Amino acid sequence: MNFNNRRIFIKLLISLLILNNIILKKDLSAKEKIKRTKDEWKKILTEQQYYVLINEGTEVPFSSSLNNEKREGNFYCVGCNNKLFSSKMKYDSGTGWPSFFETYKNAVGTKIDFKLIYPRTEYHCSKCGGHHGHLFDDGPEPTKKRYCNNGVVLKFIAEKVS
């Protein structure tokens, strides 16, 4: 790659990152946001929950008991109790993480991450901004979406789903 192409690539990458931050702020504006310091988060989350929700980590696949959760109910963000998914939106993707084909309206915001070099769509809770997982276009009908969620940052409550 010559010098001019490298400069163009870097400018394009910086532009994408700036645009990505603008989009994320817009997506997350749908709900009143919760702001906490790192120390406040550490007081209410386990070490693993903090690693995933705040540091945007990933839990080990097939480690979540929520993979096998079949009861009727809702899945909430462990950081702020924002209702993200219902049991009617859940399906077995075979990936090792709880997966959903849809979210409740305005429950999450998205941004592009480059942690694995190539771009992926990451999603966060719209209320606290906590990282939950990644969004892929290989899910079932009717949306063909797969919200691949870290189970450690979900709280399931068995309840009637309308």
N, C-alpha and C. Protein backbone atom coordinates (compact mmCIF):
# COMPACT_ATOMS: atom_id res chain seq x y z
N MET A 1 0.86 -1.17 0.00
CA MET A 1 0.00 0.00 0.00
C MET A 1 0.91 1.23 0.00
N ASN A 2 0.74 2.11 -0.97
CA ASN A 2 1.59 3.29 -1.01
C ASN A 2 1.10 4.34 -0.01
N PHE A 3 1.92 5.37 0.15
CA PHE A 3 1.67 6.40 1.16
C PHE A 3 0.31 7.08 0.98
N ASN A 4 -0.05 7.47 -0.25
CA ASN A 4 -1.33 8.14 -0.50
C ASN A 4 -2.51 7.25 -0.18
N ASN A 5 -2.44 5.98 -0.57
CA ASN A 5 -3.52 5.04 -0.28
C ASN A 5 -3.66 4.83 1.23
N ARG A 6 -2.54 4.77 1.92
CA ARG A 6 -2.55 4.59 3.37
C ARG A 6 -3.22 5.80 4.03
N ARG A 7 -2.91 7.01 3.58
CA ARG A 7 -3.53 8.22 4.13
C ARG A 7 -5.03 8.22 3.89
N ILE A 8 -5.44 7.85 2.69
CA ILE A 8 -6.88 7.78 2.37
C ILE A 8 -7.57 6.76 3.26
N PHE A 9 -6.94 5.59 3.43
CA PHE A 9 -7.51 4.53 4.27
C PHE A 9 -7.66 5.01 5.72
N ILE A 10 -6.64 5.68 6.25
CA ILE A 10 -6.70 6.17 7.63
C ILE A 10 -7.78 7.23 7.78
N LYS A 11 -7.90 8.13 6.82
CA LYS A 11 -8.95 9.15 6.87
C LYS A 11 -10.33 8.51 6.82
N LEU A 12 -10.49 7.51 5.97
CA LEU A 12 -11.77 6.81 5.87
C LEU A 12 -12.10 6.11 7.18
N LEU A 13 -11.13 5.44 7.77
CA LEU A 13 -11.33 4.74 9.04
C LEU A 13 -11.73 5.72 10.14
N ILE A 14 -11.04 6.85 10.23
CA ILE A 14 -11.36 7.87 11.23
C ILE A 14 -12.77 8.42 11.00
N SER A 15 -13.13 8.66 9.75
CA SER A 15 -14.48 9.14 9.43
C SER A 15 -15.54 8.14 9.85
N LEU A 16 -15.29 6.85 9.60
CA LEU A 16 -16.23 5.81 10.00
C LEU A 16 -16.39 5.76 11.51
N LEU A 17 -15.30 5.88 12.24
CA LEU A 17 -15.37 5.85 13.70
C LEU A 17 -16.14 7.06 14.24
N ILE A 18 -15.93 8.23 13.67
CA ILE A 18 -16.66 9.42 14.10
C ILE A 18 -18.14 9.25 13.79
N LEU A 19 -18.47 8.82 12.59
CA LEU A 19 -19.86 8.59 12.22
C LEU A 19 -20.49 7.54 13.12
N ASN A 20 -19.75 6.49 13.43
CA ASN A 20 -20.23 5.43 14.30
C ASN A 20 -20.61 5.99 15.67
N ASN A 21 -19.79 6.85 16.23
CA ASN A 21 -20.10 7.44 17.53
C ASN A 21 -21.34 8.32 17.47
N ILE A 22 -21.53 9.04 16.39
CA ILE A 22 -22.74 9.86 16.22
C ILE A 22 -23.97 8.96 16.16
N ILE A 23 -23.89 7.87 15.41
CA ILE A 23 -25.02 6.94 15.29
C ILE A 23 -25.34 6.30 16.62
N LEU A 24 -24.31 5.87 17.37
CA LEU A 24 -24.55 5.25 18.67
C LEU A 24 -25.24 6.22 19.61
N LYS A 25 -24.79 7.46 19.66
CA LYS A 25 -25.42 8.45 20.53
C LYS A 25 -26.88 8.66 20.14
N LYS A 26 -27.17 8.66 18.85
CA LYS A 26 -28.56 8.81 18.38
C LYS A 26 -29.38 7.59 18.80
N ASP A 27 -28.84 6.39 18.58
CA ASP A 27 -29.56 5.17 18.92
C ASP A 27 -29.86 5.09 20.41
N LEU A 28 -28.91 5.52 21.24
CA LEU A 28 -29.09 5.40 22.68
C LEU A 28 -29.94 6.52 23.27
N SER A 29 -30.33 7.50 22.48
CA SER A 29 -31.07 8.64 23.01
C SER A 29 -32.55 8.34 23.23
N ALA A 30 -33.01 7.17 22.83
CA ALA A 30 -34.43 6.85 22.91
C ALA A 30 -34.92 6.73 24.35
N LYS A 31 -34.05 6.41 25.29
CA LYS A 31 -34.43 6.24 26.68
C LYS A 31 -33.56 7.10 27.56
N GLU A 32 -34.05 7.36 28.75
CA GLU A 32 -33.24 8.09 29.72
C GLU A 32 -32.05 7.22 30.11
N LYS A 33 -30.88 7.77 29.97
CA LYS A 33 -29.67 6.99 30.22
C LYS A 33 -29.28 7.00 31.68
N ILE A 34 -28.67 5.91 32.10
CA ILE A 34 -28.11 5.79 33.44
C ILE A 34 -26.62 6.03 33.33
N LYS A 35 -26.10 6.90 34.17
CA LYS A 35 -24.66 7.18 34.20
C LYS A 35 -24.11 6.70 35.53
N ARG A 36 -23.07 5.87 35.48
CA ARG A 36 -22.40 5.39 36.70
C ARG A 36 -20.90 5.46 36.50
N THR A 37 -20.19 5.66 37.59
CA THR A 37 -18.73 5.61 37.54
C THR A 37 -18.29 4.15 37.52
N LYS A 38 -17.04 3.92 37.19
CA LYS A 38 -16.51 2.55 37.20
C LYS A 38 -16.63 1.94 38.59
N ASP A 39 -16.37 2.72 39.62
CA ASP A 39 -16.50 2.20 40.99
C ASP A 39 -17.93 1.84 41.32
N GLU A 40 -18.90 2.64 40.87
CA GLU A 40 -20.31 2.32 41.10
C GLU A 40 -20.69 1.03 40.38
N TRP A 41 -20.21 0.86 39.13
CA TRP A 41 -20.49 -0.37 38.39
C TRP A 41 -19.90 -1.57 39.12
N LYS A 42 -18.69 -1.43 39.62
CA LYS A 42 -18.02 -2.56 40.30
C LYS A 42 -18.75 -2.98 41.57
N LYS A 43 -19.48 -2.06 42.19
CA LYS A 43 -20.23 -2.39 43.40
C LYS A 43 -21.49 -3.21 43.10
N ILE A 44 -22.05 -3.05 41.90
CA ILE A 44 -23.32 -3.74 41.61
C ILE A 44 -23.17 -4.93 40.67
N LEU A 45 -22.02 -5.07 40.02
CA LEU A 45 -21.81 -6.16 39.07
C LEU A 45 -20.76 -7.14 39.58
N THR A 46 -20.89 -8.40 39.18
CA THR A 46 -19.82 -9.35 39.45
C THR A 46 -18.63 -9.01 38.54
N GLU A 47 -17.51 -9.64 38.80
CA GLU A 47 -16.32 -9.39 37.98
C GLU A 47 -16.58 -9.75 36.51
N GLN A 48 -17.24 -10.87 36.27
CA GLN A 48 -17.53 -11.31 34.90
C GLN A 48 -18.54 -10.37 34.23
N GLN A 49 -19.57 -9.95 34.95
CA GLN A 49 -20.55 -9.01 34.41
C GLN A 49 -19.88 -7.68 34.04
N TYR A 50 -18.99 -7.21 34.89
CA TYR A 50 -18.26 -5.97 34.62
C TYR A 50 -17.40 -6.12 33.37
N TYR A 51 -16.71 -7.25 33.27
CA TYR A 51 -15.85 -7.52 32.11
C TYR A 51 -16.65 -7.43 30.81
N VAL A 52 -17.84 -8.01 30.78
CA VAL A 52 -18.65 -8.02 29.55
C VAL A 52 -19.38 -6.70 29.35
N LEU A 53 -20.12 -6.24 30.36
CA LEU A 53 -20.99 -5.08 30.22
C LEU A 53 -20.21 -3.77 30.04
N ILE A 54 -19.14 -3.59 30.81
CA ILE A 54 -18.41 -2.33 30.80
C ILE A 54 -17.16 -2.38 29.91
N ASN A 55 -16.42 -3.49 29.97
CA ASN A 55 -15.19 -3.61 29.17
C ASN A 55 -15.43 -4.23 27.81
N GLU A 56 -16.70 -4.50 27.48
CA GLU A 56 -17.09 -5.06 26.18
C GLU A 56 -16.41 -6.39 25.89
N GLY A 57 -16.33 -7.22 26.93
CA GLY A 57 -15.75 -8.55 26.78
C GLY A 57 -16.78 -9.55 26.28
N THR A 58 -16.36 -10.81 26.22
CA THR A 58 -17.23 -11.90 25.78
C THR A 58 -17.08 -13.07 26.74
N GLU A 59 -18.21 -13.64 27.16
CA GLU A 59 -18.15 -14.81 28.02
C GLU A 59 -17.82 -16.05 27.19
N VAL A 60 -17.42 -17.10 27.86
CA VAL A 60 -17.09 -18.37 27.20
C VAL A 60 -18.38 -18.95 26.61
N PRO A 61 -18.34 -19.42 25.35
CA PRO A 61 -19.56 -20.01 24.77
C PRO A 61 -20.02 -21.23 25.56
N PHE A 62 -21.31 -21.45 25.59
CA PHE A 62 -21.98 -22.56 26.26
C PHE A 62 -21.85 -22.49 27.78
N SER A 63 -21.47 -21.32 28.33
CA SER A 63 -21.31 -21.18 29.77
C SER A 63 -22.55 -20.63 30.47
N SER A 64 -23.50 -20.11 29.71
CA SER A 64 -24.67 -19.47 30.31
C SER A 64 -25.82 -20.46 30.47
N SER A 65 -26.41 -20.45 31.66
CA SER A 65 -27.59 -21.28 31.90
C SER A 65 -28.78 -20.79 31.09
N LEU A 66 -28.73 -19.55 30.61
CA LEU A 66 -29.84 -19.00 29.82
C LEU A 66 -29.92 -19.62 28.43
N ASN A 67 -28.88 -20.32 28.00
CA ASN A 67 -28.96 -21.03 26.72
C ASN A 67 -30.12 -22.00 26.71
N ASN A 68 -30.36 -22.62 27.86
CA ASN A 68 -31.40 -23.65 27.96
C ASN A 68 -32.70 -23.13 28.57
N GLU A 69 -32.82 -21.84 28.77
CA GLU A 69 -34.03 -21.26 29.36
C GLU A 69 -35.19 -21.35 28.37
N LYS A 70 -36.24 -22.07 28.75
CA LYS A 70 -37.38 -22.29 27.85
C LYS A 70 -38.69 -21.71 28.39
N ARG A 71 -38.67 -21.20 29.63
CA ARG A 71 -39.90 -20.69 30.22
C ARG A 71 -40.34 -19.39 29.56
N GLU A 72 -41.62 -19.07 29.72
CA GLU A 72 -42.12 -17.79 29.25
C GLU A 72 -41.61 -16.69 30.17
N GLY A 73 -41.18 -15.59 29.58
CA GLY A 73 -40.70 -14.49 30.40
C GLY A 73 -39.93 -13.48 29.58
N ASN A 74 -39.22 -12.61 30.29
CA ASN A 74 -38.44 -11.55 29.66
C ASN A 74 -37.01 -11.56 30.14
N PHE A 75 -36.14 -11.05 29.28
CA PHE A 75 -34.72 -10.94 29.56
C PHE A 75 -34.39 -9.46 29.72
N TYR A 76 -33.80 -9.12 30.86
CA TYR A 76 -33.49 -7.74 31.22
C TYR A 76 -31.98 -7.53 31.30
N CYS A 77 -31.57 -6.29 31.10
CA CYS A 77 -30.16 -5.91 31.27
C CYS A 77 -29.82 -6.00 32.75
N VAL A 78 -28.75 -6.68 33.08
CA VAL A 78 -28.34 -6.84 34.47
C VAL A 78 -27.85 -5.52 35.07
N GLY A 79 -27.46 -4.57 34.23
CA GLY A 79 -26.94 -3.31 34.73
C GLY A 79 -28.00 -2.28 35.09
N CYS A 80 -29.20 -2.38 34.48
CA CYS A 80 -30.20 -1.32 34.70
C CYS A 80 -31.65 -1.82 34.65
N ASN A 81 -31.85 -3.09 34.45
CA ASN A 81 -33.21 -3.68 34.38
C ASN A 81 -34.02 -3.24 33.18
N ASN A 82 -33.36 -2.80 32.13
CA ASN A 82 -34.05 -2.46 30.89
C ASN A 82 -34.51 -3.76 30.22
N LYS A 83 -35.79 -3.81 29.84
CA LYS A 83 -36.33 -5.02 29.19
C LYS A 83 -35.83 -5.06 27.75
N LEU A 84 -35.06 -6.10 27.40
CA LEU A 84 -34.44 -6.21 26.09
C LEU A 84 -35.16 -7.18 25.16
N PHE A 85 -35.45 -8.38 25.67
CA PHE A 85 -36.00 -9.46 24.84
C PHE A 85 -37.09 -10.21 25.59
N SER A 86 -37.98 -10.85 24.83
CA SER A 86 -38.94 -11.79 25.42
C SER A 86 -38.55 -13.20 25.03
N SER A 87 -39.11 -14.15 25.74
CA SER A 87 -38.86 -15.56 25.41
C SER A 87 -39.38 -15.90 24.02
N LYS A 88 -40.36 -15.14 23.54
CA LYS A 88 -40.90 -15.37 22.19
C LYS A 88 -39.91 -14.96 21.10
N MET A 89 -38.92 -14.15 21.46
CA MET A 89 -37.92 -13.68 20.51
C MET A 89 -36.66 -14.56 20.51
N LYS A 90 -36.60 -15.50 21.45
CA LYS A 90 -35.41 -16.33 21.64
C LYS A 90 -35.46 -17.56 20.75
N TYR A 91 -34.28 -17.99 20.31
CA TYR A 91 -34.18 -19.25 19.56
C TYR A 91 -32.79 -19.85 19.79
N ASP A 92 -32.64 -21.12 19.47
CA ASP A 92 -31.36 -21.81 19.64
C ASP A 92 -30.56 -21.67 18.36
N SER A 93 -29.52 -20.84 18.42
CA SER A 93 -28.68 -20.61 17.24
C SER A 93 -27.56 -21.63 17.13
N GLY A 94 -27.32 -22.39 18.20
CA GLY A 94 -26.24 -23.36 18.20
C GLY A 94 -24.86 -22.74 18.39
N THR A 95 -24.81 -21.44 18.70
CA THR A 95 -23.53 -20.74 18.82
C THR A 95 -22.92 -20.81 20.21
N GLY A 96 -23.74 -21.15 21.21
CA GLY A 96 -23.24 -21.18 22.58
C GLY A 96 -23.60 -19.96 23.39
N TRP A 97 -24.30 -19.02 22.79
CA TRP A 97 -24.76 -17.82 23.49
C TRP A 97 -26.27 -17.70 23.30
N PRO A 98 -26.99 -17.17 24.30
CA PRO A 98 -28.42 -16.93 24.10
C PRO A 98 -28.62 -16.03 22.89
N SER A 99 -29.52 -16.42 22.01
CA SER A 99 -29.73 -15.68 20.76
C SER A 99 -31.19 -15.32 20.57
N PHE A 100 -31.40 -14.17 19.96
CA PHE A 100 -32.73 -13.61 19.77
C PHE A 100 -32.83 -13.05 18.36
N PHE A 101 -34.02 -13.11 17.77
CA PHE A 101 -34.17 -12.59 16.40
C PHE A 101 -34.74 -11.17 16.40
N GLU A 102 -35.07 -10.65 17.58
CA GLU A 102 -35.69 -9.33 17.68
C GLU A 102 -35.48 -8.80 19.09
N THR A 103 -35.55 -7.47 19.25
CA THR A 103 -35.51 -6.84 20.58
C THR A 103 -36.81 -6.07 20.79
N TYR A 104 -37.03 -5.68 22.03
CA TYR A 104 -38.12 -4.73 22.27
C TYR A 104 -37.73 -3.40 21.61
N LYS A 105 -38.72 -2.63 21.23
CA LYS A 105 -38.48 -1.36 20.53
C LYS A 105 -37.59 -0.44 21.37
N ASN A 106 -36.58 0.11 20.72
CA ASN A 106 -35.63 1.04 21.35
C ASN A 106 -34.88 0.46 22.54
N ALA A 107 -34.77 -0.85 22.62
CA ALA A 107 -34.08 -1.48 23.75
C ALA A 107 -32.56 -1.43 23.62
N VAL A 108 -32.06 -1.40 22.38
CA VAL A 108 -30.61 -1.40 22.17
C VAL A 108 -30.20 -0.36 21.14
N GLY A 109 -28.94 0.01 21.21
CA GLY A 109 -28.30 0.85 20.20
C GLY A 109 -27.15 0.06 19.61
N THR A 110 -26.74 0.41 18.41
CA THR A 110 -25.67 -0.35 17.75
C THR A 110 -24.50 0.56 17.37
N LYS A 111 -23.37 -0.07 17.19
CA LYS A 111 -22.19 0.60 16.64
C LYS A 111 -21.33 -0.46 15.97
N ILE A 112 -20.41 -0.03 15.14
CA ILE A 112 -19.50 -0.94 14.47
C ILE A 112 -18.23 -1.07 15.31
N ASP A 113 -17.78 -2.30 15.53
CA ASP A 113 -16.51 -2.49 16.21
C ASP A 113 -15.54 -3.20 15.27
N PHE A 114 -14.27 -2.95 15.48
CA PHE A 114 -13.20 -3.51 14.65
C PHE A 114 -12.25 -4.35 15.50
N LYS A 115 -12.72 -4.91 16.60
CA LYS A 115 -11.85 -5.66 17.51
C LYS A 115 -11.25 -6.90 16.87
N LEU A 116 -11.91 -7.47 15.89
CA LEU A 116 -11.38 -8.64 15.18
C LEU A 116 -10.88 -8.25 13.79
N ILE A 117 -10.47 -7.01 13.63
CA ILE A 117 -9.96 -6.43 12.39
C ILE A 117 -11.11 -6.08 11.43
N TYR A 118 -11.99 -7.03 11.15
CA TYR A 118 -13.10 -6.76 10.24
C TYR A 118 -14.27 -6.16 11.03
N PRO A 119 -15.11 -5.37 10.40
CA PRO A 119 -16.21 -4.70 11.12
C PRO A 119 -17.32 -5.67 11.51
N ARG A 120 -17.79 -5.50 12.75
CA ARG A 120 -18.95 -6.24 13.25
C ARG A 120 -19.90 -5.24 13.90
N THR A 121 -21.19 -5.56 13.92
CA THR A 121 -22.16 -4.69 14.58
C THR A 121 -22.32 -5.14 16.02
N GLU A 122 -21.96 -4.25 16.91
CA GLU A 122 -22.05 -4.48 18.35
C GLU A 122 -23.32 -3.81 18.84
N TYR A 123 -23.97 -4.38 19.85
CA TYR A 123 -25.14 -3.69 20.40
C TYR A 123 -25.02 -3.53 21.91
N HIS A 124 -25.62 -2.42 22.37
CA HIS A 124 -25.56 -2.00 23.76
C HIS A 124 -26.96 -1.71 24.27
N CYS A 125 -27.14 -1.82 25.57
CA CYS A 125 -28.39 -1.44 26.21
C CYS A 125 -28.62 0.06 25.99
N SER A 126 -29.81 0.42 25.59
CA SER A 126 -30.11 1.83 25.32
C SER A 126 -30.24 2.66 26.59
N LYS A 127 -30.38 2.02 27.73
CA LYS A 127 -30.57 2.75 28.98
C LYS A 127 -29.24 3.00 29.71
N CYS A 128 -28.40 1.97 29.82
CA CYS A 128 -27.14 2.14 30.56
C CYS A 128 -25.91 2.13 29.65
N GLY A 129 -26.09 1.78 28.38
CA GLY A 129 -24.97 1.75 27.45
C GLY A 129 -24.11 0.50 27.57
N GLY A 130 -24.51 -0.45 28.41
CA GLY A 130 -23.73 -1.67 28.62
C GLY A 130 -23.69 -2.56 27.39
N HIS A 131 -22.54 -3.16 27.15
CA HIS A 131 -22.34 -4.07 26.02
C HIS A 131 -23.07 -5.38 26.27
N HIS A 132 -23.79 -5.86 25.25
CA HIS A 132 -24.49 -7.14 25.37
C HIS A 132 -24.00 -8.18 24.37
N GLY A 133 -23.63 -7.78 23.18
CA GLY A 133 -23.19 -8.76 22.20
C GLY A 133 -23.08 -8.17 20.82
N HIS A 134 -23.27 -9.05 19.83
CA HIS A 134 -23.14 -8.64 18.43
C HIS A 134 -24.38 -9.05 17.64
N LEU A 135 -24.63 -8.31 16.59
CA LEU A 135 -25.80 -8.52 15.73
C LEU A 135 -25.33 -9.04 14.38
N PHE A 136 -25.93 -10.14 13.95
CA PHE A 136 -25.57 -10.77 12.68
C PHE A 136 -26.81 -10.92 11.81
N ASP A 137 -26.60 -11.08 10.52
CA ASP A 137 -27.70 -11.21 9.55
C ASP A 137 -27.95 -12.67 9.16
N ASP A 138 -27.78 -13.59 10.10
CA ASP A 138 -27.95 -15.01 9.79
C ASP A 138 -29.01 -15.67 10.67
N GLY A 139 -29.94 -14.87 11.16
CA GLY A 139 -30.99 -15.40 12.04
C GLY A 139 -32.19 -15.92 11.27
N PRO A 140 -33.19 -16.38 12.01
CA PRO A 140 -34.39 -16.94 11.38
C PRO A 140 -35.37 -15.86 10.92
N GLU A 141 -36.35 -16.28 10.17
CA GLU A 141 -37.46 -15.39 9.80
C GLU A 141 -38.19 -15.01 11.08
N PRO A 142 -38.82 -13.89 11.19
CA PRO A 142 -39.12 -12.97 10.11
C PRO A 142 -38.05 -11.89 9.91
N THR A 143 -37.07 -11.77 10.82
CA THR A 143 -36.11 -10.66 10.74
C THR A 143 -34.79 -11.03 10.09
N LYS A 144 -34.45 -12.32 10.11
CA LYS A 144 -33.15 -12.83 9.64
C LYS A 144 -32.00 -12.22 10.44
N LYS A 145 -32.29 -11.76 11.66
CA LYS A 145 -31.29 -11.19 12.56
C LYS A 145 -30.95 -12.17 13.67
N ARG A 146 -29.72 -12.09 14.15
CA ARG A 146 -29.30 -12.87 15.33
C ARG A 146 -28.61 -11.92 16.30
N TYR A 147 -29.32 -11.61 17.39
CA TYR A 147 -28.72 -10.86 18.48
C TYR A 147 -28.05 -11.90 19.37
N CYS A 148 -26.75 -11.99 19.26
CA CYS A 148 -25.96 -12.99 19.98
C CYS A 148 -25.53 -12.35 21.30
N ASN A 149 -26.17 -12.74 22.40
CA ASN A 149 -26.04 -12.04 23.67
C ASN A 149 -25.19 -12.83 24.66
N ASN A 150 -24.40 -12.11 25.43
CA ASN A 150 -23.68 -12.72 26.56
C ASN A 150 -24.70 -12.94 27.68
N GLY A 151 -24.90 -14.19 28.06
CA GLY A 151 -25.90 -14.51 29.07
C GLY A 151 -25.61 -13.91 30.43
N VAL A 152 -24.34 -13.70 30.75
CA VAL A 152 -23.95 -13.18 32.06
C VAL A 152 -24.48 -11.77 32.30
N VAL A 153 -24.83 -11.04 31.24
CA VAL A 153 -25.34 -9.67 31.40
C VAL A 153 -26.85 -9.59 31.19
N LEU A 154 -27.50 -10.75 31.21
CA LEU A 154 -28.96 -10.81 31.14
C LEU A 154 -29.52 -11.33 32.45
N LYS A 155 -30.68 -10.83 32.79
CA LYS A 155 -31.43 -11.36 33.94
C LYS A 155 -32.77 -11.81 33.39
N PHE A 156 -33.11 -13.09 33.63
CA PHE A 156 -34.38 -13.62 33.16
C PHE A 156 -35.41 -13.55 34.27
N ILE A 157 -36.60 -13.08 33.93
CA ILE A 157 -37.72 -13.09 34.87
C ILE A 157 -38.87 -13.83 34.22
N ALA A 158 -39.28 -14.93 34.85
CA ALA A 158 -40.43 -15.69 34.35
C ALA A 158 -41.69 -14.87 34.61
N GLU A 159 -42.36 -14.48 33.55
CA GLU A 159 -43.56 -13.65 33.65
C GLU A 159 -44.34 -13.76 32.36
N LYS A 160 -45.56 -13.31 32.40
CA LYS A 160 -46.42 -13.33 31.21
C LYS A 160 -45.87 -12.37 30.17
N VAL A 161 -45.78 -12.84 28.93
CA VAL A 161 -45.32 -12.01 27.81
C VAL A 161 -46.52 -11.74 26.93
N SER A 162 -46.78 -10.46 26.66
CA SER A 162 -47.96 -10.14 25.82
C SER A 162 -47.59 -10.11 24.36
